[in-house]
Amino acid sequence: METYTFLRELADSWVLLAMVIFYIGAILWALRPGARRMYDEISEIPLRNDDSPKTSCSGTCEDCRAAAQISFLQPEDA
């Protein structure tokens, strides 16, 4: 048997079967009951209001004090 013929028969039967089983398994994994909360949380990511980054700083470090002194949002006195 030639190599091409063997690989062709293998792909037509067992590899196709393996791909179908993997596809069905992936669908069942995505639709499992325990995943609903995770997918609900992921679906709300675009709607979150994350304007400021979360930091562990309490606002007393040198960088925070320097940033508080610079105000880009306030109009200058003319």
C-alpha atoms as a PDB file:
ATOM      1  CA  MET A   1       0.000   0.000   0.000  1.00  0.00           C
ATOM      2  CA  GLU A   2       1.320   3.404  -0.893  1.00  0.00           C
ATOM      3  CA  THR A   3       1.774   6.056   1.749  1.00  0.00           C
ATOM      4  CA  TYR A   4      -0.649   8.455   0.071  1.00  0.00           C
ATOM      5  CA  THR A   5      -3.383   5.848  -0.157  1.00  0.00           C
ATOM      6  CA  PHE A   6      -2.963   4.896   3.488  1.00  0.00           C
ATOM      7  CA  LEU A   7      -3.060   8.505   4.668  1.00  0.00           C
ATOM      8  CA  ARG A   8      -6.073   9.217   2.461  1.00  0.00           C
ATOM      9  CA  GLU A   9      -8.028   6.292   3.904  1.00  0.00           C
ATOM     10  CA  LEU A  10      -7.032   7.267   7.434  1.00  0.00           C
ATOM     11  CA  ALA A  11      -8.170  10.853   6.903  1.00  0.00           C
ATOM     12  CA  ASP A  12     -11.447   9.736   5.341  1.00  0.00           C
ATOM     13  CA  SER A  13     -12.384   7.535   8.261  1.00  0.00           C
ATOM     14  CA  TRP A  14     -10.698   7.819  11.658  1.00  0.00           C
ATOM     15  CA  VAL A  15      -9.496  11.419  11.507  1.00  0.00           C
ATOM     16  CA  LEU A  16     -12.931  12.553  10.363  1.00  0.00           C
ATOM     17  CA  LEU A  17     -14.510  10.646  13.228  1.00  0.00           C
ATOM     18  CA  ALA A  18     -12.040  12.176  15.704  1.00  0.00           C
ATOM     19  CA  MET A  19     -12.790  15.699  14.438  1.00  0.00           C
ATOM     20  CA  VAL A  20     -16.553  15.163  14.756  1.00  0.00           C
ATOM     21  CA  ILE A  21     -16.154  13.845  18.308  1.00  0.00           C
ATOM     22  CA  PHE A  22     -13.937  16.822  19.207  1.00  0.00           C
ATOM     23  CA  TYR A  23     -16.475  19.282  17.715  1.00  0.00           C
ATOM     24  CA  ILE A  24     -19.367  17.742  19.656  1.00  0.00           C
ATOM     25  CA  GLY A  25     -17.242  17.741  22.817  1.00  0.00           C
ATOM     26  CA  ALA A  26     -16.400  21.430  22.376  1.00  0.00           C
ATOM     27  CA  ILE A  27     -20.086  22.294  21.988  1.00  0.00           C
ATOM     28  CA  LEU A  28     -21.021  20.296  25.080  1.00  0.00           C
ATOM     29  CA  TRP A  29     -18.179  21.950  27.036  1.00  0.00           C
ATOM     30  CA  ALA A  30     -19.417  25.440  26.095  1.00  0.00           C
ATOM     31  CA  LEU A  31     -23.041  24.626  26.951  1.00  0.00           C
ATOM     32  CA  ARG A  32     -22.379  22.906  30.281  1.00  0.00           C
ATOM     33  CA  PRO A  33     -24.568  24.167  33.153  1.00  0.00           C
ATOM     34  CA  GLY A  34     -21.673  25.424  35.294  1.00  0.00           C
ATOM     35  CA  ALA A  35     -20.410  27.824  32.615  1.00  0.00           C
ATOM     36  CA  ARG A  36     -23.437  30.124  32.550  1.00  0.00           C
ATOM     37  CA  ARG A  37     -22.167  32.489  35.266  1.00  0.00           C
ATOM     38  CA  MET A  38     -18.764  32.787  33.578  1.00  0.00           C
ATOM     39  CA  TYR A  39     -20.290  33.559  30.169  1.00  0.00           C
ATOM     40  CA  ASP A  40     -22.707  36.087  31.690  1.00  0.00           C
ATOM     41  CA  GLU A  41     -19.774  37.877  33.310  1.00  0.00           C
ATOM     42  CA  ILE A  42     -17.765  37.844  30.085  1.00  0.00           C
ATOM     43  CA  SER A  43     -20.706  39.231  28.120  1.00  0.00           C
ATOM     44  CA  GLU A  44     -20.838  42.294  30.392  1.00  0.00           C
ATOM     45  CA  ILE A  45     -17.191  43.302  29.860  1.00  0.00           C
ATOM     46  CA  PRO A  46     -17.958  45.913  27.144  1.00  0.00           C
ATOM     47  CA  LEU A  47     -20.573  47.540  29.386  1.00  0.00           C
ATOM     48  CA  ARG A  48     -18.359  47.994  32.439  1.00  0.00           C
ATOM     49  CA  ASN A  49     -17.320  51.487  33.479  1.00  0.00           C
ATOM     50  CA  ASP A  50     -13.595  51.009  34.053  1.00  0.00           C
ATOM     51  CA  ASP A  51     -12.393  54.588  33.589  1.00  0.00           C
ATOM     52  CA  SER A  52      -9.756  54.509  36.274  1.00  0.00           C
ATOM     53  CA  PRO A  53      -7.324  51.678  36.815  1.00  0.00           C
ATOM     54  CA  LYS A  54      -7.576  49.845  40.092  1.00  0.00           C
ATOM     55  CA  THR A  55      -4.500  50.345  42.237  1.00  0.00           C
ATOM     56  CA  SER A  56      -3.531  49.187  45.661  1.00  0.00           C
ATOM     57  CA  CYS A  57      -2.262  52.662  46.529  1.00  0.00           C
ATOM     58  CA  SER A  58      -4.144  54.618  49.169  1.00  0.00           C
ATOM     59  CA  GLY A  59      -3.403  57.940  47.464  1.00  0.00           C
ATOM     60  CA  THR A  60      -0.559  58.959  49.741  1.00  0.00           C
ATOM     61  CA  CYS A  61       2.423  57.967  47.584  1.00  0.00           C
ATOM     62  CA  GLU A  62       4.608  60.542  45.868  1.00  0.00           C
ATOM     63  CA  ASP A  63       3.168  59.817  42.421  1.00  0.00           C
ATOM     64  CA  CYS A  64      -0.407  60.358  43.622  1.00  0.00           C
ATOM     65  CA  ARG A  65       0.446  63.651  45.296  1.00  0.00           C
ATOM     66  CA  ALA A  66       2.194  64.880  42.143  1.00  0.00           C
ATOM     67  CA  ALA A  67      -0.787  63.869  40.007  1.00  0.00           C
ATOM     68  CA  ALA A  68      -3.179  65.664  42.361  1.00  0.00           C
ATOM     69  CA  GLN A  69      -1.236  68.913  41.955  1.00  0.00           C
ATOM     70  CA  ILE A  70      -1.519  68.778  38.161  1.00  0.00           C
ATOM     71  CA  SER A  71      -5.049  69.371  36.999  1.00  0.00           C
ATOM     72  CA  PHE A  72      -5.699  68.941  33.321  1.00  0.00           C
ATOM     73  CA  LEU A  73      -9.448  69.146  33.591  1.00  0.00           C
ATOM     74  CA  GLN A  74      -9.756  72.549  35.266  1.00  0.00           C
ATOM     75  CA  PRO A  75      -9.702  75.636  32.998  1.00  0.00           C
ATOM     76  CA  GLU A  76      -6.887  78.053  33.693  1.00  0.00           C
ATOM     77  CA  ASP A  77      -7.651  81.474  35.145  1.00  0.00           C
ATOM     78  CA  ALA A  78      -7.426  84.072  32.416  1.00  0.00           C
END
